[in-house]
Amino acid sequence: MIRGAARVYAISASSRLTLAAAGALDATTVGLLPIPVDIEALTPAPDELWLARLEPPTLAFVGRADDPRKNLPLLLEALPLIRTRIPGTRLRLIGRPPSRVPDGVDVLGEVGSIAEVLREAALLVLPSWQEGFGIVAAEALACGVPVVTTPSGGPEQLVRDSSGGRVLSGFEAEELAETVSALLGDVATLTRMRAAGREYVVREHSPERFRFLLADALHAVDDA
């Protein structure tokens, strides 16, 4: 079915490879249509307010705790190690909560505005096993919040290309704790990531750019 399509598009470099493999296609023939982000609603907090919130810092996790792909247990395992290194650090869980919540965790559940919650975080942590794109990573970067992610697919290129965070080498709690703690102790690097991530998302994931790329894609289909 995929091989019969006039044009094939994916939402990330990772999903491009997966889609090409599933359809026995040459990956270079699969186009990219990056998911747009509402850059008008998802804006950073003022620098001075965000910096003040780093003491003590708050980490954010967004997702369904009962979805094994989101791999929340990895972050919960790393949290005590982080709190040992950076006392007072708290984790906010946004979305469907787990049945048990350890010390240092605040459960927000479903929220009306993801932007308001993200703006208050020092870092977004994405411990997923697999993500096609990882829209919450782009939303966090738009809000000026650096991202620490596992090598889960979609978010990897976003975080690397934007210089807006760190991609772990694997799925170990110690590496996650060490990476998060090092960033929380380096305000200058966090500040650079904050600006770089926002700039990248505005440039690459604005609704205007998506409409432009989609129009090109539709023209390509018409011409095929």
N, C-alpha and C. Protein backbone atom coordinates (compact mmCIF):
# COMPACT_ATOMS: atom_id res chain seq x y z
N MET A 1 0.83 -1.20 0.00
CA MET A 1 0.00 0.00 0.00
C MET A 1 0.87 1.26 0.00
N ILE A 2 1.93 1.27 0.86
CA ILE A 2 2.83 2.41 0.90
C ILE A 2 3.56 2.55 -0.43
N ARG A 3 3.98 1.40 -1.01
CA ARG A 3 4.75 1.44 -2.25
C ARG A 3 3.92 1.95 -3.42
N GLY A 4 2.58 1.91 -3.29
CA GLY A 4 1.72 2.40 -4.35
C GLY A 4 1.43 3.88 -4.27
N ALA A 5 1.91 4.54 -3.21
CA ALA A 5 1.64 5.97 -3.02
C ALA A 5 2.48 6.81 -3.97
N ALA A 6 1.89 7.92 -4.42
CA ALA A 6 2.63 8.83 -5.29
C ALA A 6 3.79 9.48 -4.55
N ARG A 7 3.57 9.85 -3.31
CA ARG A 7 4.61 10.42 -2.47
C ARG A 7 4.41 9.90 -1.05
N VAL A 8 5.51 9.72 -0.31
CA VAL A 8 5.45 9.25 1.07
C VAL A 8 6.20 10.25 1.94
N TYR A 9 5.59 10.62 3.09
CA TYR A 9 6.18 11.59 3.99
C TYR A 9 6.18 11.05 5.42
N ALA A 10 7.19 11.44 6.17
CA ALA A 10 7.31 11.06 7.57
C ALA A 10 7.43 12.33 8.40
N ILE A 11 7.31 12.18 9.74
CA ILE A 11 7.32 13.34 10.62
C ILE A 11 8.66 13.58 11.30
N SER A 12 9.61 12.65 11.12
CA SER A 12 10.94 12.80 11.72
C SER A 12 11.91 11.91 10.96
N ALA A 13 13.19 12.16 11.17
CA ALA A 13 14.20 11.32 10.52
C ALA A 13 14.07 9.86 10.96
N SER A 14 13.76 9.66 12.24
CA SER A 14 13.59 8.30 12.75
C SER A 14 12.39 7.61 12.12
N SER A 15 11.26 8.30 12.06
CA SER A 15 10.07 7.68 11.47
C SER A 15 10.23 7.48 9.97
N ARG A 16 11.06 8.30 9.34
CA ARG A 16 11.36 8.09 7.92
C ARG A 16 12.00 6.72 7.70
N LEU A 17 12.97 6.37 8.55
CA LEU A 17 13.63 5.07 8.41
C LEU A 17 12.66 3.93 8.67
N THR A 18 11.83 4.09 9.70
CA THR A 18 10.85 3.05 10.03
C THR A 18 9.86 2.86 8.89
N LEU A 19 9.38 3.98 8.34
CA LEU A 19 8.41 3.93 7.25
C LEU A 19 9.03 3.32 6.00
N ALA A 20 10.27 3.69 5.70
CA ALA A 20 10.94 3.14 4.53
C ALA A 20 11.13 1.64 4.67
N ALA A 21 11.51 1.20 5.86
CA ALA A 21 11.70 -0.23 6.08
C ALA A 21 10.37 -0.98 5.95
N ALA A 22 9.31 -0.40 6.49
CA ALA A 22 7.99 -1.06 6.42
C ALA A 22 7.50 -1.18 4.99
N GLY A 23 7.81 -0.20 4.16
CA GLY A 23 7.33 -0.21 2.78
C GLY A 23 8.35 -0.67 1.76
N ALA A 24 9.51 -1.13 2.24
CA ALA A 24 10.60 -1.55 1.34
C ALA A 24 10.94 -0.42 0.37
N LEU A 25 11.07 0.80 0.92
CA LEU A 25 11.36 1.97 0.11
C LEU A 25 12.78 2.46 0.35
N ASP A 26 13.31 3.19 -0.60
CA ASP A 26 14.56 3.90 -0.40
C ASP A 26 14.26 5.08 0.51
N ALA A 27 14.94 5.18 1.66
CA ALA A 27 14.65 6.24 2.63
C ALA A 27 14.81 7.63 2.03
N THR A 28 15.68 7.76 1.03
CA THR A 28 15.89 9.09 0.43
C THR A 28 14.68 9.55 -0.36
N THR A 29 13.76 8.64 -0.67
CA THR A 29 12.55 9.03 -1.40
C THR A 29 11.41 9.44 -0.47
N VAL A 30 11.61 9.25 0.82
CA VAL A 30 10.58 9.60 1.81
C VAL A 30 10.83 11.04 2.27
N GLY A 31 9.85 11.90 2.06
CA GLY A 31 9.98 13.30 2.46
C GLY A 31 9.70 13.50 3.94
N LEU A 32 9.97 14.70 4.41
CA LEU A 32 9.71 15.06 5.81
C LEU A 32 8.71 16.20 5.88
N LEU A 33 7.72 16.04 6.73
CA LEU A 33 6.78 17.11 7.05
C LEU A 33 6.80 17.29 8.56
N PRO A 34 7.66 18.18 9.08
CA PRO A 34 7.79 18.34 10.53
C PRO A 34 6.50 18.84 11.16
N ILE A 35 6.15 18.25 12.29
CA ILE A 35 4.92 18.62 12.99
C ILE A 35 5.00 20.07 13.45
N PRO A 36 3.95 20.86 13.21
CA PRO A 36 3.98 22.26 13.63
C PRO A 36 3.69 22.42 15.12
N VAL A 37 4.20 23.50 15.69
CA VAL A 37 4.01 23.82 17.10
C VAL A 37 3.42 25.22 17.19
N ASP A 38 2.50 25.41 18.10
CA ASP A 38 1.88 26.73 18.29
C ASP A 38 2.86 27.65 19.01
N ILE A 39 3.71 28.31 18.24
CA ILE A 39 4.76 29.14 18.83
C ILE A 39 4.22 30.43 19.44
N GLU A 40 2.98 30.76 19.15
CA GLU A 40 2.37 31.95 19.76
C GLU A 40 1.88 31.65 21.17
N ALA A 41 1.34 30.47 21.37
CA ALA A 41 0.86 30.08 22.70
C ALA A 41 1.98 29.53 23.57
N LEU A 42 2.92 28.83 22.94
CA LEU A 42 4.02 28.20 23.68
C LEU A 42 5.22 29.14 23.66
N THR A 43 5.27 30.00 24.65
CA THR A 43 6.32 31.01 24.72
C THR A 43 7.07 30.88 26.05
N PRO A 44 8.34 31.33 26.10
CA PRO A 44 9.11 31.22 27.34
C PRO A 44 8.64 32.21 28.41
N ALA A 45 8.88 31.84 29.66
CA ALA A 45 8.72 32.78 30.76
C ALA A 45 9.83 33.82 30.67
N PRO A 46 9.65 35.00 31.26
CA PRO A 46 10.75 35.98 31.29
C PRO A 46 12.00 35.36 31.91
N ASP A 47 13.16 35.72 31.38
CA ASP A 47 14.41 35.11 31.82
C ASP A 47 14.60 35.18 33.33
N GLU A 48 14.34 36.34 33.91
CA GLU A 48 14.59 36.50 35.34
C GLU A 48 13.67 35.61 36.18
N LEU A 49 12.44 35.42 35.73
CA LEU A 49 11.51 34.55 36.45
C LEU A 49 11.94 33.09 36.32
N TRP A 50 12.32 32.68 35.12
CA TRP A 50 12.75 31.30 34.90
C TRP A 50 14.01 30.99 35.71
N LEU A 51 14.97 31.91 35.74
CA LEU A 51 16.20 31.70 36.50
C LEU A 51 15.90 31.58 37.99
N ALA A 52 14.95 32.37 38.48
CA ALA A 52 14.61 32.31 39.89
C ALA A 52 14.02 30.96 40.26
N ARG A 53 13.38 30.30 39.31
CA ARG A 53 12.74 29.01 39.58
C ARG A 53 13.73 27.85 39.59
N LEU A 54 14.98 28.13 39.29
CA LEU A 54 15.98 27.06 39.30
C LEU A 54 16.41 26.69 40.70
N GLU A 55 16.00 27.44 41.68
CA GLU A 55 16.41 27.18 43.07
C GLU A 55 15.16 27.12 43.95
N PRO A 56 14.71 25.92 44.30
CA PRO A 56 15.15 24.62 43.78
C PRO A 56 14.52 24.33 42.43
N PRO A 57 15.14 23.46 41.62
CA PRO A 57 14.63 23.23 40.27
C PRO A 57 13.48 22.21 40.23
N THR A 58 12.71 22.31 39.17
CA THR A 58 11.62 21.37 38.92
C THR A 58 11.83 20.69 37.58
N LEU A 59 11.68 19.38 37.54
CA LEU A 59 11.71 18.62 36.30
C LEU A 59 10.27 18.34 35.87
N ALA A 60 10.06 18.24 34.58
CA ALA A 60 8.72 17.94 34.07
C ALA A 60 8.73 16.66 33.25
N PHE A 61 7.68 15.86 33.43
CA PHE A 61 7.43 14.68 32.60
C PHE A 61 6.00 14.81 32.10
N VAL A 62 5.81 14.59 30.81
CA VAL A 62 4.47 14.67 30.22
C VAL A 62 4.17 13.35 29.53
N GLY A 63 3.06 12.71 29.93
CA GLY A 63 2.70 11.46 29.29
C GLY A 63 1.85 10.59 30.19
N ARG A 64 1.40 9.48 29.66
CA ARG A 64 0.57 8.53 30.42
C ARG A 64 1.50 7.58 31.16
N ALA A 65 1.40 7.60 32.46
CA ALA A 65 2.28 6.76 33.27
C ALA A 65 2.05 5.28 33.01
N ASP A 66 0.86 4.90 32.55
CA ASP A 66 0.57 3.49 32.31
C ASP A 66 0.94 3.04 30.90
N ASP A 67 1.53 3.93 30.11
CA ASP A 67 1.98 3.57 28.77
C ASP A 67 3.44 3.12 28.87
N PRO A 68 3.73 1.83 28.68
CA PRO A 68 5.10 1.35 28.86
C PRO A 68 6.10 2.02 27.94
N ARG A 69 5.67 2.53 26.79
CA ARG A 69 6.60 3.21 25.87
C ARG A 69 7.18 4.47 26.49
N LYS A 70 6.43 5.10 27.40
CA LYS A 70 6.89 6.35 28.00
C LYS A 70 7.97 6.12 29.05
N ASN A 71 8.07 4.90 29.55
CA ASN A 71 9.19 4.47 30.41
C ASN A 71 9.38 5.37 31.63
N LEU A 72 8.27 5.78 32.27
CA LEU A 72 8.37 6.59 33.47
C LEU A 72 9.19 5.93 34.57
N PRO A 73 9.17 4.59 34.76
CA PRO A 73 9.99 4.00 35.82
C PRO A 73 11.46 4.38 35.76
N LEU A 74 12.00 4.60 34.58
CA LEU A 74 13.40 5.01 34.48
C LEU A 74 13.62 6.35 35.17
N LEU A 75 12.73 7.30 34.93
CA LEU A 75 12.87 8.62 35.55
C LEU A 75 12.65 8.53 37.06
N LEU A 76 11.70 7.73 37.50
CA LEU A 76 11.46 7.58 38.94
C LEU A 76 12.65 6.90 39.63
N GLU A 77 13.33 6.02 38.91
CA GLU A 77 14.53 5.39 39.47
C GLU A 77 15.67 6.39 39.58
N ALA A 78 15.76 7.29 38.61
CA ALA A 78 16.85 8.27 38.61
C ALA A 78 16.62 9.43 39.59
N LEU A 79 15.36 9.69 39.92
CA LEU A 79 15.05 10.88 40.72
C LEU A 79 15.77 10.92 42.07
N PRO A 80 15.80 9.85 42.87
CA PRO A 80 16.53 9.93 44.15
C PRO A 80 18.01 10.24 43.96
N LEU A 81 18.60 9.74 42.87
CA LEU A 81 20.01 10.04 42.59
C LEU A 81 20.19 11.52 42.27
N ILE A 82 19.23 12.07 41.54
CA ILE A 82 19.27 13.50 41.22
C ILE A 82 19.11 14.33 42.48
N ARG A 83 18.18 13.93 43.34
CA ARG A 83 17.91 14.70 44.55
C ARG A 83 19.08 14.62 45.54
N THR A 84 19.85 13.56 45.46
CA THR A 84 21.05 13.48 46.29
C THR A 84 22.09 14.50 45.84
N ARG A 85 22.20 14.65 44.52
CA ARG A 85 23.17 15.59 43.96
C ARG A 85 22.67 17.03 44.03
N ILE A 86 21.39 17.23 43.73
CA ILE A 86 20.77 18.57 43.72
C ILE A 86 19.59 18.55 44.69
N PRO A 87 19.84 18.75 45.99
CA PRO A 87 18.76 18.68 46.98
C PRO A 87 17.62 19.65 46.65
N GLY A 88 16.42 19.20 46.92
CA GLY A 88 15.25 20.04 46.68
C GLY A 88 14.64 19.88 45.31
N THR A 89 15.31 19.19 44.40
CA THR A 89 14.75 18.97 43.07
C THR A 89 13.43 18.22 43.16
N ARG A 90 12.45 18.67 42.40
CA ARG A 90 11.15 18.01 42.38
C ARG A 90 10.79 17.63 40.94
N LEU A 91 9.94 16.64 40.84
CA LEU A 91 9.45 16.16 39.55
C LEU A 91 7.96 16.36 39.47
N ARG A 92 7.51 16.98 38.40
CA ARG A 92 6.08 17.16 38.16
C ARG A 92 5.63 16.20 37.07
N LEU A 93 4.62 15.41 37.37
CA LEU A 93 4.05 14.47 36.41
C LEU A 93 2.79 15.09 35.83
N ILE A 94 2.80 15.26 34.52
CA ILE A 94 1.66 15.85 33.81
C ILE A 94 1.06 14.77 32.93
N GLY A 95 -0.20 14.46 33.17
CA GLY A 95 -0.84 13.37 32.45
C GLY A 95 -1.31 12.31 33.42
N ARG A 96 -1.73 11.18 32.91
CA ARG A 96 -2.25 10.10 33.75
C ARG A 96 -1.18 9.63 34.73
N PRO A 97 -1.46 9.69 36.06
CA PRO A 97 -0.41 9.41 37.05
C PRO A 97 -0.23 7.91 37.30
N PRO A 98 0.92 7.54 37.92
CA PRO A 98 1.13 6.15 38.32
C PRO A 98 0.34 5.85 39.59
N SER A 99 0.26 4.57 39.93
CA SER A 99 -0.49 4.19 41.13
C SER A 99 0.24 4.58 42.40
N ARG A 100 1.57 4.58 42.36
CA ARG A 100 2.36 4.98 43.53
C ARG A 100 3.30 6.10 43.15
N VAL A 101 3.43 7.07 44.04
CA VAL A 101 4.26 8.25 43.78
C VAL A 101 5.31 8.37 44.87
N PRO A 102 6.59 8.36 44.53
CA PRO A 102 7.65 8.47 45.54
C PRO A 102 7.84 9.90 46.03
N ASP A 103 8.72 10.07 47.00
CA ASP A 103 9.02 11.40 47.52
C ASP A 103 9.59 12.28 46.42
N GLY A 104 9.25 13.56 46.50
CA GLY A 104 9.78 14.53 45.56
C GLY A 104 8.99 14.65 44.28
N VAL A 105 7.82 13.98 44.22
CA VAL A 105 7.02 13.98 42.99
C VAL A 105 5.69 14.67 43.25
N ASP A 106 5.33 15.57 42.35
CA ASP A 106 4.04 16.24 42.38
C ASP A 106 3.22 15.77 41.18
N VAL A 107 2.00 15.35 41.42
CA VAL A 107 1.13 14.85 40.36
C VAL A 107 0.14 15.94 39.97
N LEU A 108 0.23 16.38 38.73
CA LEU A 108 -0.68 17.41 38.24
C LEU A 108 -1.84 16.82 37.45
N GLY A 109 -1.69 15.61 36.94
CA GLY A 109 -2.74 15.01 36.12
C GLY A 109 -2.89 15.75 34.81
N GLU A 110 -4.10 15.69 34.25
CA GLU A 110 -4.37 16.42 33.01
C GLU A 110 -4.46 17.92 33.32
N VAL A 111 -3.85 18.74 32.47
CA VAL A 111 -3.85 20.19 32.70
C VAL A 111 -4.49 20.90 31.51
N GLY A 112 -5.04 22.07 31.81
CA GLY A 112 -5.68 22.84 30.75
C GLY A 112 -4.70 23.47 29.79
N SER A 113 -3.57 23.93 30.33
CA SER A 113 -2.56 24.58 29.50
C SER A 113 -1.20 23.97 29.78
N ILE A 114 -0.67 23.24 28.80
CA ILE A 114 0.65 22.64 28.96
C ILE A 114 1.72 23.71 29.02
N ALA A 115 1.49 24.85 28.37
CA ALA A 115 2.49 25.91 28.34
C ALA A 115 2.77 26.44 29.74
N GLU A 116 1.74 26.66 30.53
CA GLU A 116 1.93 27.21 31.86
C GLU A 116 2.79 26.31 32.73
N VAL A 117 2.57 25.01 32.62
CA VAL A 117 3.32 24.06 33.43
C VAL A 117 4.76 23.94 32.93
N LEU A 118 4.93 23.85 31.62
CA LEU A 118 6.28 23.70 31.07
C LEU A 118 7.15 24.90 31.41
N ARG A 119 6.61 26.09 31.37
CA ARG A 119 7.39 27.31 31.62
C ARG A 119 8.04 27.29 33.01
N GLU A 120 7.46 26.56 33.93
CA GLU A 120 7.97 26.53 35.30
C GLU A 120 9.07 25.50 35.50
N ALA A 121 9.35 24.69 34.48
CA ALA A 121 10.32 23.60 34.63
C ALA A 121 11.72 24.05 34.23
N ALA A 122 12.70 23.50 34.94
CA ALA A 122 14.10 23.72 34.55
C ALA A 122 14.45 22.85 33.37
N LEU A 123 13.89 21.64 33.34
CA LEU A 123 14.15 20.68 32.27
C LEU A 123 12.89 19.85 32.02
N LEU A 124 12.69 19.45 30.77
CA LEU A 124 11.75 18.38 30.45
C LEU A 124 12.57 17.11 30.29
N VAL A 125 12.14 16.04 30.93
CA VAL A 125 12.82 14.75 30.79
C VAL A 125 11.90 13.80 30.04
N LEU A 126 12.43 13.24 28.95
CA LEU A 126 11.68 12.33 28.10
C LEU A 126 12.39 10.97 28.13
N PRO A 127 11.96 10.07 29.02
CA PRO A 127 12.68 8.78 29.19
C PRO A 127 12.15 7.65 28.32
N SER A 128 11.43 7.98 27.26
CA SER A 128 10.70 6.98 26.46
C SER A 128 11.59 5.92 25.85
N TRP A 129 10.98 4.77 25.65
CA TRP A 129 11.62 3.71 24.86
C TRP A 129 11.54 4.04 23.38
N GLN A 130 10.39 4.61 22.96
CA GLN A 130 10.19 4.89 21.54
C GLN A 130 9.25 6.08 21.37
N GLU A 131 9.61 6.96 20.44
CA GLU A 131 8.77 8.11 20.08
C GLU A 131 8.89 8.33 18.57
N GLY A 132 7.74 8.50 17.91
CA GLY A 132 7.78 8.81 16.49
C GLY A 132 8.32 10.20 16.22
N PHE A 133 7.88 11.14 17.04
CA PHE A 133 8.39 12.51 16.96
C PHE A 133 8.68 13.07 18.35
N GLY A 134 7.72 12.96 19.26
CA GLY A 134 7.89 13.51 20.60
C GLY A 134 7.47 14.97 20.65
N ILE A 135 6.19 15.22 20.39
CA ILE A 135 5.70 16.59 20.29
C ILE A 135 5.98 17.40 21.54
N VAL A 136 5.94 16.75 22.71
CA VAL A 136 6.16 17.48 23.95
C VAL A 136 7.58 18.05 24.02
N ALA A 137 8.54 17.39 23.36
CA ALA A 137 9.90 17.94 23.33
C ALA A 137 9.92 19.25 22.56
N ALA A 138 9.24 19.29 21.43
CA ALA A 138 9.16 20.53 20.65
C ALA A 138 8.41 21.61 21.43
N GLU A 139 7.36 21.21 22.14
CA GLU A 139 6.60 22.18 22.94
C GLU A 139 7.45 22.76 24.06
N ALA A 140 8.25 21.91 24.71
CA ALA A 140 9.13 22.39 25.77
C ALA A 140 10.17 23.36 25.21
N LEU A 141 10.79 23.00 24.09
CA LEU A 141 11.78 23.89 23.50
C LEU A 141 11.16 25.23 23.13
N ALA A 142 9.93 25.21 22.61
CA ALA A 142 9.24 26.45 22.29
C ALA A 142 9.05 27.32 23.53
N CYS A 143 8.87 26.66 24.68
CA CYS A 143 8.70 27.37 25.95
C CYS A 143 10.03 27.74 26.60
N GLY A 144 11.13 27.51 25.89
CA GLY A 144 12.44 27.85 26.44
C GLY A 144 12.90 26.90 27.52
N VAL A 145 12.45 25.66 27.46
CA VAL A 145 12.81 24.64 28.47
C VAL A 145 13.69 23.58 27.80
N PRO A 146 14.94 23.43 28.20
CA PRO A 146 15.80 22.40 27.62
C PRO A 146 15.25 20.99 27.87
N VAL A 147 15.67 20.06 27.01
CA VAL A 147 15.13 18.70 27.03
C VAL A 147 16.26 17.69 27.20
N VAL A 148 16.06 16.73 28.10
CA VAL A 148 16.93 15.57 28.21
C VAL A 148 16.11 14.37 27.76
N THR A 149 16.60 13.65 26.75
CA THR A 149 15.85 12.54 26.20
C THR A 149 16.70 11.30 26.05
N THR A 150 16.06 10.16 26.14
CA THR A 150 16.70 8.90 25.81
C THR A 150 16.80 8.79 24.29
N PRO A 151 17.60 7.84 23.77
CA PRO A 151 17.67 7.63 22.32
C PRO A 151 16.44 6.88 21.83
N SER A 152 15.31 7.57 21.82
CA SER A 152 14.02 6.94 21.59
C SER A 152 13.49 7.13 20.18
N GLY A 153 14.29 7.72 19.30
CA GLY A 153 13.84 7.90 17.92
C GLY A 153 13.61 9.36 17.58
N GLY A 154 12.35 9.74 17.47
CA GLY A 154 11.97 11.07 17.01
C GLY A 154 12.64 12.25 17.69
N PRO A 155 12.69 12.29 19.04
CA PRO A 155 13.25 13.48 19.69
C PRO A 155 14.75 13.67 19.50
N GLU A 156 15.45 12.63 19.09
CA GLU A 156 16.92 12.71 19.04
C GLU A 156 17.40 13.80 18.08
N GLN A 157 16.91 13.79 16.85
CA GLN A 157 17.35 14.79 15.88
C GLN A 157 16.91 16.19 16.31
N LEU A 158 15.70 16.29 16.84
CA LEU A 158 15.20 17.58 17.30
C LEU A 158 16.11 18.19 18.35
N VAL A 159 16.48 17.39 19.35
CA VAL A 159 17.32 17.90 20.44
C VAL A 159 18.73 18.19 19.96
N ARG A 160 19.28 17.30 19.13
CA ARG A 160 20.65 17.53 18.64
C ARG A 160 20.71 18.73 17.70
N ASP A 161 19.81 18.79 16.74
CA ASP A 161 19.86 19.87 15.75
C ASP A 161 19.59 21.23 16.37
N SER A 162 18.78 21.27 17.40
CA SER A 162 18.44 22.54 18.05
C SER A 162 19.49 22.98 19.05
N SER A 163 20.35 22.05 19.50
CA SER A 163 21.26 22.32 20.63
C SER A 163 20.48 22.72 21.87
N GLY A 164 19.25 22.21 21.96
CA GLY A 164 18.37 22.58 23.05
C GLY A 164 18.31 21.58 24.19
N GLY A 165 19.27 20.66 24.25
CA GLY A 165 19.26 19.69 25.35
C GLY A 165 20.32 18.64 25.17
N ARG A 166 20.08 17.47 25.74
CA ARG A 166 21.02 16.36 25.69
C ARG A 166 20.29 15.07 25.32
N VAL A 167 20.95 14.24 24.52
CA VAL A 167 20.46 12.90 24.19
C VAL A 167 21.35 11.89 24.91
N LEU A 168 20.75 11.05 25.74
CA LEU A 168 21.51 10.04 26.46
C LEU A 168 22.01 8.96 25.51
N SER A 169 23.01 8.21 25.94
CA SER A 169 23.52 7.12 25.12
C SER A 169 22.69 5.86 25.28
N GLY A 170 21.91 5.78 26.35
CA GLY A 170 21.12 4.57 26.60
C GLY A 170 20.00 4.83 27.58
N PHE A 171 19.68 3.80 28.37
CA PHE A 171 18.50 3.84 29.23
C PHE A 171 18.86 3.49 30.67
N GLU A 172 19.99 4.00 31.14
CA GLU A 172 20.44 3.72 32.49
C GLU A 172 20.11 4.89 33.43
N ALA A 173 19.61 4.57 34.61
CA ALA A 173 19.24 5.60 35.58
C ALA A 173 20.43 6.45 35.99
N GLU A 174 21.60 5.83 36.13
CA GLU A 174 22.78 6.59 36.56
C GLU A 174 23.16 7.64 35.52
N GLU A 175 23.14 7.29 34.25
CA GLU A 175 23.46 8.28 33.21
C GLU A 175 22.43 9.39 33.18
N LEU A 176 21.17 9.03 33.32
CA LEU A 176 20.12 10.05 33.34
C LEU A 176 20.32 11.00 34.50
N ALA A 177 20.57 10.45 35.68
CA ALA A 177 20.78 11.29 36.87
C ALA A 177 22.00 12.18 36.72
N GLU A 178 23.08 11.62 36.20
CA GLU A 178 24.31 12.39 36.04
C GLU A 178 24.11 13.53 35.04
N THR A 179 23.43 13.25 33.93
CA THR A 179 23.21 14.27 32.90
C THR A 179 22.31 15.39 33.41
N VAL A 180 21.21 15.02 34.04
CA VAL A 180 20.28 16.03 34.58
C VAL A 180 20.97 16.86 35.66
N SER A 181 21.69 16.22 36.57
CA SER A 181 22.34 16.95 37.66
C SER A 181 23.39 17.91 37.14
N ALA A 182 24.16 17.47 36.14
CA ALA A 182 25.19 18.34 35.57
C ALA A 182 24.56 19.57 34.93
N LEU A 183 23.45 19.40 34.24
CA LEU A 183 22.79 20.55 33.62
C LEU A 183 22.19 21.48 34.66
N LEU A 184 21.58 20.92 35.68
CA LEU A 184 20.98 21.76 36.73
C LEU A 184 22.04 22.59 37.45
N GLY A 185 23.28 22.11 37.45
CA GLY A 185 24.36 22.85 38.09
C GLY A 185 25.10 23.78 37.14
N ASP A 186 24.63 23.90 35.91
CA ASP A 186 25.31 24.72 34.91
C ASP A 186 24.31 25.69 34.29
N VAL A 187 24.08 26.79 34.97
CA VAL A 187 23.07 27.76 34.53
C VAL A 187 23.42 28.36 33.18
N ALA A 188 24.69 28.58 32.92
CA ALA A 188 25.10 29.19 31.65
C ALA A 188 24.71 28.28 30.48
N THR A 189 24.96 26.98 30.63
CA THR A 189 24.59 26.05 29.56
C THR A 189 23.09 25.95 29.41
N LEU A 190 22.37 25.90 30.50
CA LEU A 190 20.91 25.87 30.43
C LEU A 190 20.37 27.10 29.71
N THR A 191 20.95 28.24 30.00
CA THR A 191 20.49 29.49 29.38
C THR A 191 20.74 29.47 27.88
N ARG A 192 21.89 28.95 27.46
CA ARG A 192 22.17 28.85 26.02
C ARG A 192 21.20 27.87 25.35
N MET A 193 20.97 26.73 26.00
CA MET A 193 20.04 25.76 25.45
C MET A 193 18.63 26.34 25.33
N ARG A 194 18.25 27.09 26.32
CA ARG A 194 16.93 27.72 26.36
C ARG A 194 16.70 28.59 25.13
N ALA A 195 17.68 29.43 24.81
CA ALA A 195 17.57 30.32 23.66
C ALA A 195 17.65 29.56 22.34
N ALA A 196 18.58 28.60 22.27
CA ALA A 196 18.78 27.85 21.02
C ALA A 196 17.56 26.99 20.69
N GLY A 197 16.98 26.35 21.70
CA GLY A 197 15.82 25.50 21.46
C GLY A 197 14.63 26.28 20.95
N ARG A 198 14.36 27.41 21.57
CA ARG A 198 13.25 28.27 21.14
C ARG A 198 13.47 28.75 19.71
N GLU A 199 14.67 29.22 19.42
CA GLU A 199 14.97 29.73 18.08
C GLU A 199 14.77 28.66 17.01
N TYR A 200 15.21 27.44 17.31
CA TYR A 200 15.09 26.35 16.34
C TYR A 200 13.63 26.00 16.06
N VAL A 201 12.83 25.88 17.10
CA VAL A 201 11.43 25.50 16.91
C VAL A 201 10.67 26.59 16.17
N VAL A 202 10.94 27.84 16.47
CA VAL A 202 10.30 28.94 15.75
C VAL A 202 10.63 28.87 14.27
N ARG A 203 11.88 28.54 13.97
CA ARG A 203 12.32 28.49 12.57
C ARG A 203 11.82 27.25 11.84
N GLU A 204 11.90 26.09 12.48
CA GLU A 204 11.65 24.82 11.79
C GLU A 204 10.25 24.24 11.99
N HIS A 205 9.55 24.65 13.05
CA HIS A 205 8.27 24.00 13.38
C HIS A 205 7.12 24.99 13.52
N SER A 206 7.25 26.14 12.90
CA SER A 206 6.14 27.10 12.94
C SER A 206 5.00 26.61 12.05
N PRO A 207 3.76 26.98 12.36
CA PRO A 207 2.64 26.62 11.48
C PRO A 207 2.83 27.17 10.06
N GLU A 208 3.44 28.34 9.96
CA GLU A 208 3.66 28.93 8.63
C GLU A 208 4.56 28.05 7.78
N ARG A 209 5.66 27.55 8.38
CA ARG A 209 6.57 26.69 7.63
C ARG A 209 5.88 25.38 7.25
N PHE A 210 5.08 24.84 8.17
CA PHE A 210 4.36 23.61 7.86
C PHE A 210 3.43 23.80 6.67
N ARG A 211 2.71 24.91 6.66
CA ARG A 211 1.79 25.16 5.54
C ARG A 211 2.55 25.26 4.22
N PHE A 212 3.71 25.90 4.25
CA PHE A 212 4.54 26.03 3.06
C PHE A 212 5.00 24.65 2.56
N LEU A 213 5.50 23.82 3.49
CA LEU A 213 5.97 22.49 3.11
C LEU A 213 4.82 21.59 2.65
N LEU A 214 3.67 21.73 3.31
CA LEU A 214 2.51 20.93 2.91
C LEU A 214 2.05 21.31 1.51
N ALA A 215 2.06 22.60 1.22
CA ALA A 215 1.68 23.05 -0.12
C ALA A 215 2.61 22.46 -1.17
N ASP A 216 3.91 22.47 -0.88
CA ASP A 216 4.88 21.85 -1.79
C ASP A 216 4.59 20.36 -1.99
N ALA A 217 4.26 19.69 -0.87
CA ALA A 217 3.98 18.25 -0.94
C ALA A 217 2.76 17.98 -1.80
N LEU A 218 1.72 18.79 -1.66
CA LEU A 218 0.51 18.60 -2.44
C LEU A 218 0.75 18.87 -3.93
N HIS A 219 1.58 19.88 -4.21
CA HIS A 219 1.94 20.15 -5.60
C HIS A 219 2.71 18.98 -6.20
N ALA A 220 3.60 18.39 -5.39
CA ALA A 220 4.38 17.25 -5.86
C ALA A 220 3.48 16.07 -6.19
N VAL A 221 2.44 15.86 -5.38
CA VAL A 221 1.48 14.78 -5.64
C VAL A 221 0.71 15.06 -6.93
N ASP A 222 0.30 16.31 -7.11
CA ASP A 222 -0.43 16.68 -8.33
C ASP A 222 0.39 16.46 -9.58
N ASP A 223 1.70 16.71 -9.46
CA ASP A 223 2.60 16.60 -10.61
C ASP A 223 3.06 15.17 -10.87
N ALA A 224 2.81 14.28 -9.89
CA ALA A 224 3.33 12.90 -10.03
C ALA A 224 2.58 12.13 -11.13
